[in-house]
Protein backbone atom coordinates (compact mmCIF):
# COMPACT_ATOMS: atom_id res chain seq x y z
CA MET A 1 -3.12 29.50 -1.66
CA PRO A 2 -0.29 27.16 -2.50
CA SER A 3 -1.34 24.57 -5.17
CA VAL A 4 -0.61 21.16 -5.99
CA ALA A 5 -1.15 18.39 -8.35
CA VAL A 6 -1.16 14.69 -7.59
CA ILE A 7 -0.22 12.26 -10.37
CA GLY A 8 0.14 8.35 -10.04
CA THR A 9 -2.85 7.25 -8.71
CA ARG A 10 -6.21 5.89 -9.70
CA GLY A 11 -7.76 8.91 -8.47
CA TYR A 12 -9.44 10.45 -5.16
CA PRO A 13 -11.08 9.00 -3.44
CA SER A 14 -10.01 5.33 -3.80
CA TYR A 15 -9.81 2.52 -2.54
CA TYR A 16 -7.07 0.22 -4.63
CA GLY A 17 -3.79 0.20 -3.01
CA GLY A 18 -1.33 1.92 -1.01
CA PHE A 19 -0.96 5.20 -2.73
CA GLU A 20 -4.51 5.50 -3.15
CA THR A 21 -4.65 5.23 0.84
CA ALA A 22 -2.55 8.01 1.11
CA ILE A 23 -3.73 10.15 -0.93
CA ARG A 24 -7.37 9.71 0.58
CA LYS A 25 -5.46 10.93 3.81
CA LEU A 26 -3.37 13.38 2.67
CA ALA A 27 -5.67 15.29 0.12
CA PRO A 28 -8.00 16.76 2.75
CA TYR A 29 -5.07 17.45 4.81
CA LEU A 30 -3.58 19.75 2.76
CA VAL A 31 -6.92 21.58 1.59
CA GLY A 32 -7.42 22.08 5.51
CA MET A 33 -3.27 23.62 5.64
CA GLY A 34 -4.64 26.07 2.87
CA TRP A 35 -3.61 24.14 -0.25
CA GLU A 36 -5.15 24.15 -3.66
CA VAL A 37 -4.92 20.35 -4.38
CA THR A 38 -5.98 18.59 -7.60
CA VAL A 39 -5.55 15.23 -8.14
CA TYR A 40 -5.51 13.49 -11.43
CA GLY A 41 -6.93 9.89 -11.89
CA ARG A 42 -8.45 7.42 -14.44
CA ARG A 43 -12.11 7.14 -15.49
CA GLY A 44 -14.69 4.60 -13.36
CA THR A 45 -11.64 4.03 -10.70
CA THR A 46 -13.25 6.01 -7.73
CA GLN A 47 -15.73 5.94 -5.15
CA ALA A 48 -18.08 8.64 -4.59
CA GLY A 49 -19.27 9.89 -1.14
CA GLY A 50 -18.08 8.40 2.21
CA GLU A 51 -16.05 9.66 4.93
CA CYS A 52 -12.92 10.39 2.87
CA ALA A 53 -14.23 12.46 0.10
CA ASP A 54 -13.68 16.20 0.67
CA ALA A 55 -15.15 18.29 -1.84
CA ALA A 56 -12.88 20.53 -1.92
CA VAL A 57 -10.35 18.69 -3.67
CA THR A 58 -10.63 18.66 -7.40
CA THR A 59 -10.83 16.06 -9.80
CA ARG A 60 -9.28 15.81 -12.88
CA THR A 61 -9.51 12.45 -15.44
CA THR A 62 -7.01 12.04 -18.13
CA PRO A 63 -7.38 9.44 -21.10
CA GLY A 64 -5.14 6.30 -20.85
CA PHE A 65 -4.88 2.72 -21.57
CA GLU A 66 -6.65 0.44 -19.21
CA THR A 67 -4.03 -2.46 -19.31
CA LYS A 68 -1.85 -4.07 -16.80
CA SER A 69 1.42 -3.14 -18.84
CA LEU A 70 0.38 0.71 -20.41
CA SER A 71 -2.02 2.22 -17.36
CA THR A 72 1.04 3.74 -15.30
CA LEU A 73 2.97 5.06 -18.00
CA SER A 74 -0.05 6.31 -20.22
CA TYR A 75 -2.18 7.88 -17.54
CA GLY A 76 0.99 9.47 -15.96
CA LEU A 77 2.05 11.30 -19.49
CA THR A 78 -1.35 12.57 -19.85
CA SER A 79 -1.74 13.94 -16.42
CA ALA A 80 2.15 14.93 -16.43
CA LEU A 81 1.05 16.99 -19.80
CA ASP A 82 -2.08 18.72 -18.12
CA THR A 83 -0.14 19.63 -15.20
CA ALA A 84 2.46 20.79 -16.74
CA ALA A 85 0.02 23.26 -18.75
CA ARG A 86 -1.57 24.38 -15.13
CA ARG A 87 1.53 25.22 -14.16
CA PRO A 88 0.75 24.18 -10.13
CA ASP A 89 3.17 25.14 -7.42
CA ALA A 90 4.29 21.53 -6.73
CA ALA A 91 3.24 18.15 -8.09
CA LEU A 92 3.82 15.08 -5.78
CA VAL A 93 4.28 12.18 -8.44
CA MET A 94 3.83 8.58 -6.89
CA ASN A 95 5.61 6.05 -8.75
CA VAL A 96 8.82 5.88 -10.71
CA ALA A 97 7.78 4.51 -13.75
CA ASN A 98 6.54 8.38 -13.93
CA GLY A 99 10.25 9.34 -14.00
CA TYR A 100 10.08 9.60 -17.75
CA PHE A 101 7.55 12.66 -17.38
CA LEU A 102 9.82 14.71 -14.85
CA PRO A 103 11.40 16.84 -17.75
CA ILE A 104 8.31 17.82 -18.90
CA LEU A 105 7.52 19.12 -15.51
CA ARG A 106 10.44 20.51 -15.17
CA ALA A 107 10.45 22.15 -18.34
CA SER A 108 7.61 24.25 -16.96
CA ARG A 109 8.65 25.02 -13.68
CA VAL A 110 6.78 22.55 -11.62
CA PRO A 111 9.16 21.57 -8.78
CA THR A 112 8.34 17.52 -7.93
CA LEU A 113 8.23 15.50 -4.61
CA VAL A 114 8.26 11.90 -5.69
CA ASN A 115 7.04 9.38 -4.04
CA VAL A 116 9.58 6.48 -4.95
CA ASP A 117 7.55 3.65 -3.74
CA GLY A 118 9.49 0.13 -3.53
CA ILE A 119 12.06 -1.56 -5.65
CA GLU A 120 9.19 -2.47 -8.61
CA TRP A 121 12.24 -3.96 -11.18
CA GLU A 122 12.75 -7.09 -8.49
CA ARG A 123 9.00 -7.30 -9.01
CA ALA A 124 8.00 -11.03 -9.97
CA LYS A 125 5.13 -9.67 -11.67
CA TRP A 126 6.96 -7.80 -13.97
CA ASN A 127 8.61 -9.45 -17.25
CA PRO A 128 12.37 -8.23 -18.13
CA LEU A 129 10.98 -5.44 -20.00
CA ALA A 130 8.86 -4.18 -17.42
CA GLN A 131 11.85 -4.60 -14.72
CA ARG A 132 13.93 -2.42 -17.54
CA VAL A 133 11.03 0.33 -17.66
CA PHE A 134 11.04 0.64 -13.85
CA ARG A 135 14.75 0.93 -13.70
CA THR A 136 14.87 3.02 -15.86
CA GLY A 137 11.87 5.38 -14.27
CA ALA A 138 14.19 5.53 -11.83
CA GLY A 139 17.22 7.14 -12.85
CA PHE A 140 15.13 9.80 -14.23
CA ALA A 141 13.61 10.05 -10.96
CA ALA A 142 16.70 10.58 -9.21
CA ARG A 143 18.12 12.56 -11.64
CA HIS A 144 15.09 15.13 -12.61
CA ALA A 145 12.84 15.43 -9.28
CA ASN A 146 13.64 18.11 -6.72
CA GLY A 147 12.46 15.64 -3.84
CA LEU A 148 12.28 12.15 -3.44
CA VAL A 149 10.08 9.99 -0.63
CA PHE A 150 11.25 7.13 0.58
CA ASP A 151 9.03 5.30 2.61
CA SER A 152 11.21 2.92 4.79
CA ARG A 153 14.40 3.35 5.84
CA ALA A 154 15.65 -0.05 4.20
CA ILE A 155 14.41 1.76 0.90
CA GLU A 156 16.59 4.93 1.62
CA SER A 157 19.45 3.36 1.87
CA TYR A 158 19.03 1.50 -1.06
CA TRP A 159 18.82 4.58 -3.44
CA ARG A 160 21.79 6.01 -1.63
CA GLN A 161 24.04 3.53 -2.62
CA THR A 162 22.79 3.20 -5.81
CA PHE A 163 21.80 6.21 -7.20
CA ARG A 164 23.56 8.56 -5.10
CA VAL A 165 20.44 10.51 -3.58
CA THR A 166 18.91 11.35 -0.85
CA GLY A 167 15.78 12.21 0.83
CA THR A 168 13.19 12.46 2.72
CA TYR A 169 11.92 9.69 5.10
CA ILE A 170 7.90 9.17 5.35
CA PRO A 171 6.00 6.32 5.60
CA TYR A 172 2.56 5.07 5.60
CA GLY A 173 0.21 5.80 8.34
CA GLY A 174 -2.45 3.38 10.39
CA ASP A 175 -5.83 4.00 10.99
CA VAL A 176 -6.52 3.15 15.08
CA PRO A 177 -10.27 2.23 14.68
CA PRO A 178 -13.07 1.99 17.63
CA ALA A 179 -14.32 -1.36 19.07
CA LEU A 180 -15.67 -2.69 15.84
CA PRO A 181 -18.39 -5.76 15.87
CA VAL A 182 -17.48 -9.28 14.97
CA PRO A 183 -17.45 -10.07 11.60
CA GLU A 184 -20.41 -11.95 10.82
CA GLY A 185 -20.13 -16.16 10.78
CA LEU A 186 -16.66 -15.21 12.48
CA ALA A 187 -15.38 -15.30 15.80
CA HIS A 188 -12.47 -13.05 17.24
CA ARG A 189 -9.55 -14.46 17.47
CA GLY A 190 -10.89 -17.32 16.03
CA TYR A 191 -9.74 -17.59 12.08
CA VAL A 192 -6.67 -16.17 10.24
CA LEU A 193 -6.98 -13.93 7.70
CA VAL A 194 -4.72 -12.52 4.61
CA VAL A 195 -5.16 -9.38 2.87
CA ALA A 196 -3.21 -8.87 -0.54
CA ARG A 197 -3.41 -8.82 -4.51
CA PHE A 198 -2.61 -11.97 -5.53
CA VAL A 199 0.98 -11.43 -7.47
CA ALA A 200 3.92 -14.23 -6.65
CA GLU A 201 5.98 -11.82 -4.65
CA ASN A 202 3.58 -11.71 -1.90
CA SER A 203 3.85 -15.30 -1.31
CA MET A 204 0.30 -16.30 -2.60
CA GLN A 205 1.37 -19.94 -3.99
CA GLU A 206 3.00 -20.43 -0.99
CA PHE A 207 0.09 -19.33 1.59
CA PHE A 208 -2.47 -21.23 -0.58
CA ASP A 209 -1.17 -23.76 -0.58
CA ALA A 210 -1.03 -24.17 3.07
CA VAL A 211 -4.46 -23.13 2.95
CA PRO A 212 -6.20 -26.62 3.10
CA ALA A 213 -3.79 -27.87 6.30
CA ILE A 214 -4.49 -24.66 8.11
CA ALA A 215 -8.48 -24.60 7.20
CA ALA A 216 -9.04 -28.66 8.71
CA ARG A 217 -8.47 -26.54 11.87
CA HIS A 218 -8.79 -22.68 11.40
CA PRO A 219 -11.48 -20.34 9.24
CA VAL A 220 -9.39 -18.84 6.70
CA VAL A 221 -10.55 -15.93 5.48
CA ILE A 222 -8.92 -14.45 1.92
CA VAL A 223 -9.32 -11.11 1.17
CA GLY A 224 -8.23 -9.65 -2.19
CA SER A 225 -7.73 -10.32 -5.96
CA SER A 226 -5.03 -9.95 -8.79
CA GLY A 227 -7.13 -6.76 -9.79
CA TYR A 228 -7.62 -8.37 -13.45
CA GLY A 229 -8.80 -11.78 -13.05
CA GLY A 230 -7.34 -15.06 -14.18
CA ASP A 231 -5.24 -18.13 -12.34
CA TRP A 232 -4.92 -16.59 -8.70
CA ASP A 233 -8.18 -15.40 -8.92
CA ASP A 234 -9.70 -19.17 -9.65
CA ALA A 235 -7.35 -20.58 -6.85
CA ALA A 236 -8.58 -18.52 -4.17
CA ARG A 237 -11.85 -19.32 -5.67
CA THR A 238 -11.53 -23.22 -5.66
CA LEU A 239 -10.18 -23.14 -1.58
CA ALA A 240 -13.28 -21.52 -1.27
CA ALA A 241 -15.57 -23.80 -2.70
CA ASP A 242 -13.22 -26.95 -1.43
CA HIS A 243 -13.43 -25.88 1.89
CA PRO A 244 -15.84 -24.88 4.34
CA LEU A 245 -13.78 -22.90 6.33
CA VAL A 246 -12.40 -21.46 3.69
CA THR A 247 -14.06 -17.49 2.45
CA TRP A 248 -12.72 -15.75 -0.16
CA LEU A 249 -13.87 -11.92 -0.32
CA GLY A 250 -12.43 -10.89 -3.20
CA HIS A 251 -11.23 -7.19 -3.55
CA VAL A 252 -12.88 -5.15 -0.12
CA SER A 253 -13.06 -1.83 -0.47
CA ASN A 254 -15.18 -1.51 2.86
CA ASP A 255 -13.05 0.14 5.08
CA PRO A 256 -15.12 -0.89 8.27
CA LEU A 257 -15.81 -4.42 7.04
CA LEU A 258 -11.65 -4.88 6.31
CA LEU A 259 -10.87 -3.01 9.40
CA ALA A 260 -13.12 -5.22 11.62
CA LEU A 261 -11.36 -8.25 9.97
CA TRP A 262 -8.10 -7.13 10.74
CA GLN A 263 -9.19 -6.28 14.22
CA HIS A 264 -10.84 -9.38 15.29
CA ALA A 265 -8.51 -11.88 13.02
CA GLY A 266 -6.65 -14.67 15.32
CA LEU A 267 -3.69 -14.02 12.92
CA TYR A 268 -3.23 -11.57 10.28
CA PHE A 269 -0.84 -13.30 7.37
CA HIS A 270 1.70 -10.51 5.57
CA GLY A 271 4.17 -12.20 2.61
CA HIS A 272 5.03 -9.02 0.95
CA SER A 273 8.43 -9.37 -0.04
CA VAL A 274 9.29 -6.47 -2.33
CA GLY A 275 8.70 -2.61 -0.94
CA GLY A 276 9.21 -1.03 1.68
CA THR A 277 6.56 -0.59 4.39
CA ASN A 278 3.54 -1.52 3.24
CA PRO A 279 0.53 0.12 3.99
CA ALA A 280 -1.44 -3.55 4.92
CA LEU A 281 0.76 -3.88 6.97
CA VAL A 282 0.97 -0.31 9.35
CA GLN A 283 -2.93 -0.92 9.11
CA ALA A 284 -3.02 -4.25 10.27
CA MET A 285 -0.84 -3.15 12.94
CA ALA A 286 -2.76 -0.07 13.99
CA ALA A 287 -5.89 -2.68 14.02
CA GLY A 288 -4.36 -4.60 16.79
CA ALA A 289 -4.07 -7.72 14.67
CA PRO A 290 -1.51 -10.64 15.83
CA ILE A 291 0.88 -10.93 12.53
CA LEU A 292 2.93 -13.78 11.25
CA ALA A 293 4.89 -11.66 8.32
CA ARG A 294 7.34 -13.13 5.72
CA ASP A 295 11.18 -12.61 6.75
CA THR A 296 12.17 -9.38 5.02
CA VAL A 297 14.22 -6.81 6.30
CA TYR A 298 11.28 -4.18 5.40
CA ASN A 299 8.79 -6.22 7.52
CA ARG A 300 11.24 -6.37 10.24
CA GLU A 301 12.01 -2.84 10.33
CA VAL A 302 8.10 -2.06 10.51
CA LEU A 303 6.96 -4.79 12.60
CA GLY A 304 10.04 -4.14 15.45
CA GLN A 305 11.63 -6.75 17.48
CA ALA A 306 8.48 -7.83 18.65
CA GLY A 307 7.23 -9.35 15.15
CA HIS A 308 6.77 -12.96 13.99
CA PHE A 309 8.33 -13.98 11.04
CA VAL A 310 8.44 -16.99 8.51
CA ILE A 311 10.42 -18.09 5.36
CA PRO A 312 8.47 -18.45 2.25
CA ASP A 313 7.77 -22.16 1.87
CA SER A 314 4.11 -23.57 2.47
CA ASP A 315 5.15 -26.29 5.17
CA ALA A 316 6.95 -23.70 7.02
CA ILE A 317 3.89 -21.10 7.18
CA THR A 318 1.55 -23.95 7.77
CA LYS A 319 3.66 -24.55 10.67
CA SER A 320 3.74 -21.27 12.04
CA ILE A 321 0.34 -20.38 12.06
CA LEU A 322 -0.75 -23.58 13.18
CA ALA A 323 1.61 -22.71 15.93
CA LEU A 324 0.60 -18.95 16.76
CA MET A 325 -3.16 -20.23 16.33
CA ALA A 326 -2.87 -22.93 19.59
CA SER A 327 -1.30 -20.20 21.58
CA SER A 328 -3.95 -18.66 23.73
CA THR A 329 -6.01 -16.03 23.63
CA GLU A 330 -4.38 -13.71 25.82
CA GLU A 331 -0.87 -14.28 24.50
CA ARG A 332 -2.23 -13.28 21.13
CA GLU A 333 -4.27 -10.52 22.43
CA LYS A 334 -0.77 -9.39 23.96
CA ALA A 335 0.94 -9.56 20.24
CA GLY A 336 -1.76 -7.46 18.49
CA GLN A 337 -1.68 -4.91 21.77
CA ALA A 338 2.09 -4.12 21.18
CA ASN A 339 1.66 -3.86 17.29
CA LEU A 340 -0.83 -1.32 18.06
CA GLU A 341 1.03 0.64 20.46
CA ARG A 342 4.30 0.54 17.55
CA ALA A 343 1.84 1.88 14.82
CA ILE A 344 0.68 4.62 17.40
CA ARG A 345 4.40 5.38 18.38
CA HIS A 346 5.97 4.98 14.64
CA TYR A 347 3.18 5.21 11.85
CA SER A 348 0.81 7.72 12.63
CA TRP A 349 -1.12 9.50 9.87
CA ALA A 350 -1.10 12.90 11.49
CA GLN A 351 2.70 12.57 11.24
CA VAL A 352 2.75 11.55 7.77
CA CYS A 353 0.51 14.91 6.39
CA ALA A 354 2.44 16.86 8.35
CA ASP A 355 5.73 15.69 7.13
CA TYR A 356 4.34 15.09 3.24
CA GLU A 357 2.76 18.48 3.78
CA SER A 358 6.63 20.38 5.06
CA ALA A 359 8.33 18.27 2.42
CA LEU A 360 6.00 19.86 -0.48
CA ARG A 361 5.94 23.85 1.29
CA GLY A 362 9.94 23.18 1.41
CA LEU A 363 10.05 22.72 -2.55
CA ILE A 364 8.17 26.03 -2.95
CA ARG A 365 10.22 27.49 -0.69
CA ASN A 366 13.73 26.32 -2.73
């Protein structure tokens, strides 16, 4: 039975973000394919039970500092040290910030497959020091990883040009949900939805500035938070308090509710600007949501030619959302169906998991 350690997520099963979603799918799949799987995580960040919890997946927590600037590095270091001592057949490492610890694993003869994620050192939420930390970690990953995973063709091209390395293209997947009931208090195709972590590069300021004009005509549902409290959460709370048609749900870990919100949305706004294939965008497509996305090379790659795009400006966002919401329900149903069909063709979890399993077996054979 081959063994693999997963480093760089909050644990299993966790509902925090894209990495955690991928591991909720991948870990039980690998178990089913004959792997012994250990997922490293942080204390208090997993949710016991649920359909994604597989008792055959081993979970381990290691110490670290739960702060915005030190959590990834501190937990990554202790997870890498523990993995090096246990010496599994392979390690799947998420996030280039953990590139610093690849020499530890290499010294213990543990081959590594690294998901590089997006271009973290270009994200506005990080100060210049943090950006340098990510950029240097990427250099370590380029030099010391046995294999690299790129979740978009654009990211793959960037790494080939910047670091002169190649790897494997494996995007994120999406679940096609069954027909779900309309969330309480809402109407099918009658509301505008945003699902995002509250950071600047997700166009939160521009969207929040657009909300009052949108909410004068249509209900607006905001899902997400900063994860650490602060001004963004306060802004969402104020919008909900000041506008009767605005609802802020915070972070939602209830998958059926989140899928239902996407499935019945009149329009989902996706403002993410940095990174490759975004998990929330793929899942919104798989749920059949009509989508307006920030105009980036990454979002165009995922949505294809049928996508609707907008520049990150509050007036442009307002006009685009109101125009699309003014179109007929039939037109938006057609747009949602096109997104669903594209998700099925290009972003299935079955293919994603199979590609990861193949890449891990390739490490062991080499």
